[in-house]
């Protein structure tokens, strides 16, 4: 994001599906007619930016991630490690096609980003983490 968007970029964990739903929109990844073109476009952009070839986890997007990974991103943000966590999460998902559906998957990514897995495990369930994610979603809904 830092290379693509102008100016200073604020990284923020959000649940994009909830934002789309609030605006009565469906992601292209759920639409059988639009999905192939969307995948092709993502793969083209990855090539254009010199990123590794994209690989799509089985069941993406529905079964390849969930709120656990988003809450872990909130925990990472609180520790100043959102960028490395996000990069590791996206690499796991779209380079290694392994997804983030299970807690163990998320904790492995957290450790790669320099976070203590036990700290993240505790933080995922914390009410403050849930509240921060909910607030980020609401902010995205209101500006989306």
N, C-alpha and C. Protein backbone atom coordinates (compact mmCIF):
# COMPACT_ATOMS: atom_id res chain seq x y z
N UNK A 1 0.82 -1.19 0.00
CA UNK A 1 0.00 0.00 0.00
C UNK A 1 0.86 1.25 0.00
N UNK A 2 1.94 1.21 0.72
CA UNK A 2 2.78 2.40 0.83
C UNK A 2 3.35 2.82 -0.52
N UNK A 3 3.60 1.85 -1.42
CA UNK A 3 4.14 2.18 -2.74
C UNK A 3 3.06 2.61 -3.72
N UNK A 4 1.84 2.19 -3.48
CA UNK A 4 0.77 2.40 -4.46
C UNK A 4 -0.02 3.66 -4.20
N UNK A 5 -0.35 3.93 -2.95
CA UNK A 5 -1.19 5.07 -2.61
C UNK A 5 -0.34 6.30 -2.33
N UNK A 6 -0.82 7.47 -2.74
CA UNK A 6 -0.05 8.70 -2.50
C UNK A 6 -0.13 9.12 -1.03
N UNK A 7 0.88 9.83 -0.61
CA UNK A 7 0.89 10.37 0.75
C UNK A 7 1.11 9.29 1.80
N UNK A 8 0.93 9.71 3.04
CA UNK A 8 1.10 8.78 4.15
C UNK A 8 -0.14 7.90 4.26
N UNK A 9 0.09 6.61 4.37
CA UNK A 9 -1.00 5.64 4.44
C UNK A 9 -1.13 5.15 5.87
N UNK A 10 -2.36 5.14 6.38
CA UNK A 10 -2.63 4.58 7.71
C UNK A 10 -3.19 3.18 7.52
N UNK A 11 -2.43 2.20 7.95
CA UNK A 11 -2.88 0.82 7.88
C UNK A 11 -3.91 0.60 8.98
N UNK A 12 -5.00 -0.07 8.66
CA UNK A 12 -6.08 -0.28 9.62
C UNK A 12 -6.74 -1.63 9.35
N UNK A 13 -6.77 -2.52 10.34
CA UNK A 13 -7.50 -3.77 10.14
C UNK A 13 -9.00 -3.50 10.06
N UNK A 14 -9.65 -4.03 9.04
CA UNK A 14 -11.10 -3.92 8.90
C UNK A 14 -11.66 -5.23 8.37
N UNK A 15 -12.94 -5.44 8.59
CA UNK A 15 -13.65 -6.59 8.04
C UNK A 15 -14.38 -6.09 6.79
N UNK A 16 -13.73 -6.20 5.65
CA UNK A 16 -14.23 -5.63 4.41
C UNK A 16 -15.62 -6.16 4.05
N UNK A 17 -15.86 -7.43 4.30
CA UNK A 17 -17.17 -8.01 3.97
C UNK A 17 -18.30 -7.30 4.72
N UNK A 18 -18.07 -6.93 5.97
CA UNK A 18 -19.09 -6.22 6.74
C UNK A 18 -19.35 -4.83 6.16
N UNK A 19 -18.29 -4.17 5.71
CA UNK A 19 -18.43 -2.85 5.11
C UNK A 19 -19.25 -2.95 3.82
N UNK A 20 -18.91 -3.93 2.99
CA UNK A 20 -19.68 -4.11 1.75
C UNK A 20 -21.14 -4.42 2.05
N UNK A 21 -21.37 -5.31 3.00
CA UNK A 21 -22.73 -5.68 3.36
C UNK A 21 -23.54 -4.47 3.82
N UNK A 22 -22.91 -3.60 4.60
CA UNK A 22 -23.61 -2.41 5.09
C UNK A 22 -24.02 -1.48 3.95
N UNK A 23 -23.33 -1.57 2.84
CA UNK A 23 -23.63 -0.74 1.68
C UNK A 23 -24.38 -1.54 0.61
N UNK A 24 -24.92 -2.69 1.03
CA UNK A 24 -25.70 -3.55 0.15
C UNK A 24 -24.95 -3.92 -1.13
N UNK A 25 -23.67 -4.24 -0.94
CA UNK A 25 -22.83 -4.65 -2.07
C UNK A 25 -22.31 -6.06 -1.81
N UNK A 26 -22.04 -6.75 -2.89
CA UNK A 26 -21.48 -8.09 -2.80
C UNK A 26 -20.09 -8.06 -3.43
N UNK A 27 -19.09 -8.67 -2.77
CA UNK A 27 -17.75 -8.67 -3.37
C UNK A 27 -17.73 -9.47 -4.67
N UNK A 28 -16.88 -9.06 -5.59
CA UNK A 28 -16.77 -9.77 -6.86
C UNK A 28 -16.38 -11.23 -6.65
N UNK A 29 -15.69 -11.50 -5.55
CA UNK A 29 -15.23 -12.88 -5.30
C UNK A 29 -16.39 -13.83 -5.00
N UNK A 30 -17.57 -13.31 -4.69
CA UNK A 30 -18.74 -14.14 -4.44
C UNK A 30 -19.61 -14.32 -5.68
N UNK A 31 -19.32 -13.56 -6.73
CA UNK A 31 -20.13 -13.56 -7.94
C UNK A 31 -19.45 -14.44 -8.99
N UNK A 32 -20.08 -15.57 -9.30
CA UNK A 32 -19.49 -16.52 -10.24
C UNK A 32 -19.15 -15.92 -11.59
N UNK A 33 -19.93 -14.93 -12.04
CA UNK A 33 -19.68 -14.30 -13.33
C UNK A 33 -18.49 -13.33 -13.27
N UNK A 34 -18.31 -12.63 -12.15
CA UNK A 34 -17.24 -11.64 -12.02
C UNK A 34 -15.94 -12.21 -11.47
N UNK A 35 -16.03 -13.33 -10.79
CA UNK A 35 -14.87 -13.89 -10.09
C UNK A 35 -13.66 -14.14 -11.00
N UNK A 36 -13.81 -14.80 -12.15
CA UNK A 36 -12.62 -15.03 -12.99
C UNK A 36 -11.92 -13.74 -13.41
N UNK A 37 -12.69 -12.72 -13.77
CA UNK A 37 -12.07 -11.45 -14.17
C UNK A 37 -11.39 -10.77 -12.99
N UNK A 38 -11.99 -10.87 -11.80
CA UNK A 38 -11.38 -10.29 -10.60
C UNK A 38 -10.06 -10.96 -10.26
N UNK A 39 -10.04 -12.27 -10.35
CA UNK A 39 -8.81 -13.02 -10.07
C UNK A 39 -7.73 -12.66 -11.09
N UNK A 40 -8.11 -12.60 -12.35
CA UNK A 40 -7.15 -12.23 -13.40
C UNK A 40 -6.58 -10.84 -13.15
N UNK A 41 -7.44 -9.90 -12.75
CA UNK A 41 -6.98 -8.54 -12.48
C UNK A 41 -6.03 -8.50 -11.29
N UNK A 42 -6.34 -9.22 -10.22
CA UNK A 42 -5.43 -9.27 -9.06
C UNK A 42 -4.08 -9.84 -9.46
N UNK A 43 -4.09 -10.90 -10.25
CA UNK A 43 -2.84 -11.53 -10.67
C UNK A 43 -2.03 -10.60 -11.57
N UNK A 44 -2.71 -9.84 -12.43
CA UNK A 44 -2.02 -8.87 -13.28
C UNK A 44 -1.37 -7.78 -12.44
N UNK A 45 -2.12 -7.27 -11.48
CA UNK A 45 -1.56 -6.21 -10.62
C UNK A 45 -0.37 -6.72 -9.83
N UNK A 46 -0.44 -7.93 -9.33
CA UNK A 46 0.70 -8.51 -8.59
C UNK A 46 1.93 -8.54 -9.50
N UNK A 47 1.75 -9.00 -10.72
CA UNK A 47 2.88 -9.01 -11.68
C UNK A 47 3.41 -7.61 -11.92
N UNK A 48 2.49 -6.66 -12.17
CA UNK A 48 2.90 -5.29 -12.46
C UNK A 48 3.69 -4.66 -11.32
N UNK A 49 3.39 -5.04 -10.08
CA UNK A 49 4.09 -4.49 -8.92
C UNK A 49 5.30 -5.34 -8.51
N UNK A 50 5.60 -6.36 -9.29
CA UNK A 50 6.76 -7.19 -9.00
C UNK A 50 6.57 -8.10 -7.81
N UNK A 51 5.33 -8.41 -7.49
CA UNK A 51 5.04 -9.32 -6.38
C UNK A 51 5.10 -10.76 -6.86
N UNK A 52 5.22 -11.71 -5.94
CA UNK A 52 5.22 -13.11 -6.34
C UNK A 52 3.90 -13.50 -7.01
N UNK A 53 3.92 -14.54 -7.82
CA UNK A 53 2.66 -15.00 -8.42
C UNK A 53 1.63 -15.34 -7.34
N UNK A 54 0.39 -14.98 -7.61
CA UNK A 54 -0.68 -15.23 -6.64
C UNK A 54 -1.16 -16.67 -6.75
N UNK A 55 -1.41 -17.25 -5.59
CA UNK A 55 -2.03 -18.57 -5.48
C UNK A 55 -3.23 -18.40 -4.56
N UNK A 56 -4.32 -19.02 -4.87
CA UNK A 56 -5.58 -18.81 -4.18
C UNK A 56 -5.90 -20.00 -3.29
N UNK A 57 -6.03 -19.79 -1.99
CA UNK A 57 -6.34 -20.91 -1.10
C UNK A 57 -7.71 -21.52 -1.41
N UNK A 58 -7.79 -22.80 -1.23
CA UNK A 58 -9.05 -23.49 -1.43
C UNK A 58 -10.12 -22.84 -0.55
N UNK A 59 -11.28 -22.57 -1.13
CA UNK A 59 -12.37 -21.98 -0.37
C UNK A 59 -12.31 -20.47 -0.23
N UNK A 60 -11.28 -19.84 -0.81
CA UNK A 60 -11.17 -18.39 -0.70
C UNK A 60 -12.35 -17.74 -1.38
N UNK A 61 -12.93 -16.72 -0.77
CA UNK A 61 -12.56 -16.10 0.48
C UNK A 61 -13.31 -16.66 1.69
N UNK A 62 -14.34 -17.41 1.46
CA UNK A 62 -15.26 -17.77 2.54
C UNK A 62 -14.60 -18.57 3.66
N UNK A 63 -13.82 -19.58 3.32
CA UNK A 63 -13.29 -20.47 4.36
C UNK A 63 -11.80 -20.32 4.62
N UNK A 64 -11.18 -19.28 4.06
CA UNK A 64 -9.73 -19.17 4.21
C UNK A 64 -9.28 -18.14 5.25
N UNK A 65 -10.22 -17.45 5.87
CA UNK A 65 -9.88 -16.51 6.94
C UNK A 65 -11.14 -16.21 7.73
N UNK A 66 -10.98 -15.44 8.80
CA UNK A 66 -12.13 -15.09 9.62
C UNK A 66 -11.79 -14.00 10.61
N UNK A 67 -12.64 -13.82 11.57
CA UNK A 67 -12.44 -12.76 12.56
C UNK A 67 -11.20 -12.97 13.42
N UNK A 68 -10.77 -14.20 13.59
CA UNK A 68 -9.56 -14.46 14.38
C UNK A 68 -8.37 -13.71 13.79
N UNK A 69 -8.21 -13.79 12.48
CA UNK A 69 -7.07 -13.12 11.85
C UNK A 69 -7.21 -11.60 11.93
N UNK A 70 -8.44 -11.10 11.83
CA UNK A 70 -8.64 -9.66 11.95
C UNK A 70 -8.36 -9.17 13.37
N UNK A 71 -8.79 -9.95 14.35
CA UNK A 71 -8.48 -9.58 15.74
C UNK A 71 -6.99 -9.63 16.00
N UNK A 72 -6.31 -10.61 15.43
CA UNK A 72 -4.86 -10.69 15.58
C UNK A 72 -4.19 -9.47 14.94
N UNK A 73 -4.74 -9.01 13.83
CA UNK A 73 -4.20 -7.80 13.20
C UNK A 73 -4.36 -6.59 14.11
N UNK A 74 -5.47 -6.52 14.84
CA UNK A 74 -5.68 -5.43 15.81
C UNK A 74 -4.62 -5.52 16.91
N UNK A 75 -4.36 -6.73 17.38
CA UNK A 75 -3.32 -6.93 18.41
C UNK A 75 -1.96 -6.49 17.85
N UNK A 76 -1.66 -6.90 16.63
CA UNK A 76 -0.39 -6.52 16.00
C UNK A 76 -0.28 -5.00 15.87
N UNK A 77 -1.39 -4.36 15.50
CA UNK A 77 -1.40 -2.90 15.38
C UNK A 77 -1.05 -2.25 16.71
N UNK A 78 -1.61 -2.77 17.78
CA UNK A 78 -1.34 -2.23 19.11
C UNK A 78 0.12 -2.36 19.52
N UNK A 79 0.82 -3.30 18.92
CA UNK A 79 2.24 -3.51 19.21
C UNK A 79 3.15 -2.86 18.17
N UNK A 80 2.57 -2.12 17.24
CA UNK A 80 3.37 -1.47 16.19
C UNK A 80 3.85 -2.43 15.13
N UNK A 81 3.20 -3.58 15.00
CA UNK A 81 3.65 -4.61 14.06
C UNK A 81 2.57 -4.98 13.03
N UNK A 82 1.67 -4.05 12.75
CA UNK A 82 0.61 -4.35 11.79
C UNK A 82 1.16 -4.62 10.39
N UNK A 83 2.12 -3.82 9.93
CA UNK A 83 2.66 -4.02 8.59
C UNK A 83 3.31 -5.40 8.45
N UNK A 84 4.23 -5.78 9.34
CA UNK A 84 4.82 -7.12 9.17
C UNK A 84 3.79 -8.24 9.34
N UNK A 85 2.82 -8.05 10.24
CA UNK A 85 1.77 -9.06 10.39
C UNK A 85 0.97 -9.17 9.10
N UNK A 86 0.56 -8.04 8.55
CA UNK A 86 -0.23 -8.04 7.32
C UNK A 86 0.53 -8.67 6.16
N UNK A 87 1.79 -8.31 6.04
CA UNK A 87 2.60 -8.89 4.95
C UNK A 87 2.71 -10.41 5.09
N UNK A 88 2.95 -10.87 6.31
CA UNK A 88 3.04 -12.31 6.54
C UNK A 88 1.70 -12.99 6.30
N UNK A 89 0.61 -12.34 6.70
CA UNK A 89 -0.73 -12.91 6.50
C UNK A 89 -1.07 -13.01 5.01
N UNK A 90 -0.79 -11.95 4.27
CA UNK A 90 -1.08 -11.98 2.84
C UNK A 90 -0.17 -12.97 2.11
N UNK A 91 1.09 -13.07 2.52
CA UNK A 91 1.98 -14.05 1.90
C UNK A 91 1.49 -15.47 2.16
N UNK A 92 1.10 -15.74 3.39
CA UNK A 92 0.58 -17.08 3.71
C UNK A 92 -0.63 -17.39 2.84
N UNK A 93 -1.50 -16.41 2.69
CA UNK A 93 -2.74 -16.62 1.96
C UNK A 93 -2.53 -16.66 0.46
N UNK A 94 -1.84 -15.68 -0.11
CA UNK A 94 -1.82 -15.52 -1.56
C UNK A 94 -0.51 -15.90 -2.24
N UNK A 95 0.51 -16.25 -1.49
CA UNK A 95 1.74 -16.77 -2.09
C UNK A 95 1.83 -18.28 -1.81
N UNK A 96 1.49 -18.65 -0.58
CA UNK A 96 1.60 -20.06 -0.18
C UNK A 96 0.25 -20.77 -0.17
N UNK A 97 -0.82 -20.10 -0.51
CA UNK A 97 -2.22 -20.56 -0.58
C UNK A 97 -2.62 -21.43 0.61
N UNK A 98 -2.31 -20.93 1.81
CA UNK A 98 -2.59 -21.71 3.02
C UNK A 98 -3.69 -21.13 3.89
N UNK A 99 -4.05 -19.88 3.72
CA UNK A 99 -5.16 -19.30 4.45
C UNK A 99 -4.89 -19.07 5.93
N UNK A 100 -5.89 -18.48 6.58
CA UNK A 100 -5.80 -18.10 7.99
C UNK A 100 -7.07 -18.48 8.75
N UNK A 101 -7.63 -19.61 8.43
CA UNK A 101 -8.91 -20.01 9.02
C UNK A 101 -8.79 -20.51 10.46
N UNK A 102 -7.66 -21.08 10.80
CA UNK A 102 -7.49 -21.70 12.12
C UNK A 102 -6.59 -20.84 13.01
N UNK A 103 -6.81 -20.93 14.30
CA UNK A 103 -6.01 -20.18 15.25
C UNK A 103 -4.51 -20.46 15.06
N UNK A 104 -4.16 -21.72 14.85
CA UNK A 104 -2.74 -22.08 14.68
C UNK A 104 -2.13 -21.36 13.48
N UNK A 105 -2.90 -21.20 12.40
CA UNK A 105 -2.43 -20.47 11.22
C UNK A 105 -2.10 -19.02 11.58
N UNK A 106 -3.00 -18.41 12.31
CA UNK A 106 -2.86 -17.00 12.69
C UNK A 106 -1.68 -16.82 13.64
N UNK A 107 -1.52 -17.74 14.58
CA UNK A 107 -0.41 -17.62 15.53
C UNK A 107 0.93 -17.81 14.84
N UNK A 108 0.97 -18.65 13.82
CA UNK A 108 2.21 -18.82 13.05
C UNK A 108 2.58 -17.52 12.35
N UNK A 109 1.60 -16.87 11.75
CA UNK A 109 1.84 -15.58 11.09
C UNK A 109 2.28 -14.54 12.12
N UNK A 110 1.62 -14.52 13.26
CA UNK A 110 1.98 -13.56 14.31
C UNK A 110 3.44 -13.74 14.72
N UNK A 111 3.85 -14.97 14.89
CA UNK A 111 5.24 -15.23 15.27
C UNK A 111 6.20 -14.76 14.18
N UNK A 112 5.86 -14.99 12.92
CA UNK A 112 6.69 -14.52 11.81
C UNK A 112 6.83 -13.00 11.83
N UNK A 113 5.80 -12.33 12.32
CA UNK A 113 5.81 -10.86 12.37
C UNK A 113 6.52 -10.32 13.60
N UNK A 114 6.97 -11.21 14.48
CA UNK A 114 7.69 -10.77 15.68
C UNK A 114 6.84 -10.66 16.92
N UNK A 115 5.65 -11.25 16.89
CA UNK A 115 4.75 -11.22 18.05
C UNK A 115 4.83 -12.53 18.82
N UNK A 116 4.63 -12.45 20.12
CA UNK A 116 4.58 -13.64 20.95
C UNK A 116 3.23 -14.32 20.73
N UNK A 117 3.21 -15.56 20.29
CA UNK A 117 1.94 -16.24 20.01
C UNK A 117 0.99 -16.29 21.21
N UNK A 118 1.52 -16.47 22.42
CA UNK A 118 0.65 -16.50 23.60
C UNK A 118 0.02 -15.13 23.86
N UNK A 119 0.78 -14.08 23.63
CA UNK A 119 0.25 -12.73 23.76
C UNK A 119 -0.89 -12.51 22.77
N UNK A 120 -0.70 -12.96 21.54
CA UNK A 120 -1.72 -12.81 20.51
C UNK A 120 -2.94 -13.66 20.83
N UNK A 121 -2.71 -14.88 21.27
CA UNK A 121 -3.82 -15.78 21.64
C UNK A 121 -4.69 -15.11 22.70
N UNK A 122 -4.07 -14.51 23.70
CA UNK A 122 -4.81 -13.81 24.74
C UNK A 122 -5.51 -12.57 24.17
N UNK A 123 -4.80 -11.83 23.35
CA UNK A 123 -5.34 -10.58 22.80
C UNK A 123 -6.53 -10.78 21.88
N UNK A 124 -6.55 -11.88 21.16
CA UNK A 124 -7.65 -12.16 20.22
C UNK A 124 -8.99 -12.20 20.95
N UNK A 125 -8.99 -12.75 22.15
CA UNK A 125 -10.23 -12.87 22.91
C UNK A 125 -10.56 -11.69 23.80
N UNK A 126 -9.67 -10.72 23.88
CA UNK A 126 -9.88 -9.58 24.77
C UNK A 126 -11.00 -8.68 24.27
N UNK A 127 -11.81 -8.22 25.18
CA UNK A 127 -12.93 -7.33 24.82
C UNK A 127 -12.42 -6.05 24.15
N UNK A 128 -11.29 -5.54 24.59
CA UNK A 128 -10.75 -4.32 23.99
C UNK A 128 -10.41 -4.54 22.51
N UNK A 129 -9.89 -5.70 22.18
CA UNK A 129 -9.57 -6.03 20.79
C UNK A 129 -10.84 -6.09 19.96
N UNK A 130 -11.84 -6.78 20.47
CA UNK A 130 -13.12 -6.89 19.75
C UNK A 130 -13.73 -5.51 19.54
N UNK A 131 -13.65 -4.66 20.55
CA UNK A 131 -14.21 -3.32 20.46
C UNK A 131 -13.47 -2.49 19.41
N UNK A 132 -12.15 -2.57 19.40
CA UNK A 132 -11.36 -1.80 18.41
C UNK A 132 -11.70 -2.23 16.99
N UNK A 133 -11.87 -3.54 16.77
CA UNK A 133 -12.22 -4.02 15.44
C UNK A 133 -13.62 -3.54 15.06
N UNK A 134 -14.55 -3.62 15.98
CA UNK A 134 -15.91 -3.15 15.73
C UNK A 134 -15.91 -1.66 15.38
N UNK A 135 -15.13 -0.88 16.10
CA UNK A 135 -15.05 0.56 15.81
C UNK A 135 -14.46 0.81 14.43
N UNK A 136 -13.45 0.04 14.04
CA UNK A 136 -12.85 0.20 12.71
C UNK A 136 -13.85 -0.16 11.62
N UNK A 137 -14.64 -1.18 11.86
CA UNK A 137 -15.66 -1.57 10.89
C UNK A 137 -16.70 -0.47 10.77
N UNK A 138 -17.16 0.03 11.90
CA UNK A 138 -18.15 1.13 11.88
C UNK A 138 -17.61 2.35 11.14
N UNK A 139 -16.36 2.68 11.38
CA UNK A 139 -15.75 3.82 10.69
C UNK A 139 -15.73 3.58 9.20
N UNK A 140 -15.39 2.37 8.78
CA UNK A 140 -15.39 2.04 7.36
C UNK A 140 -16.77 2.07 6.75
N UNK A 141 -17.76 1.65 7.51
CA UNK A 141 -19.15 1.66 7.05
C UNK A 141 -19.62 3.10 6.84
N UNK A 142 -19.27 3.98 7.77
CA UNK A 142 -19.77 5.34 7.70
C UNK A 142 -19.07 6.15 6.60
N UNK A 143 -17.84 5.76 6.24
CA UNK A 143 -17.12 6.50 5.20
C UNK A 143 -17.12 5.78 3.88
N UNK A 144 -17.43 4.47 3.91
CA UNK A 144 -17.34 3.59 2.76
C UNK A 144 -18.09 3.98 1.58
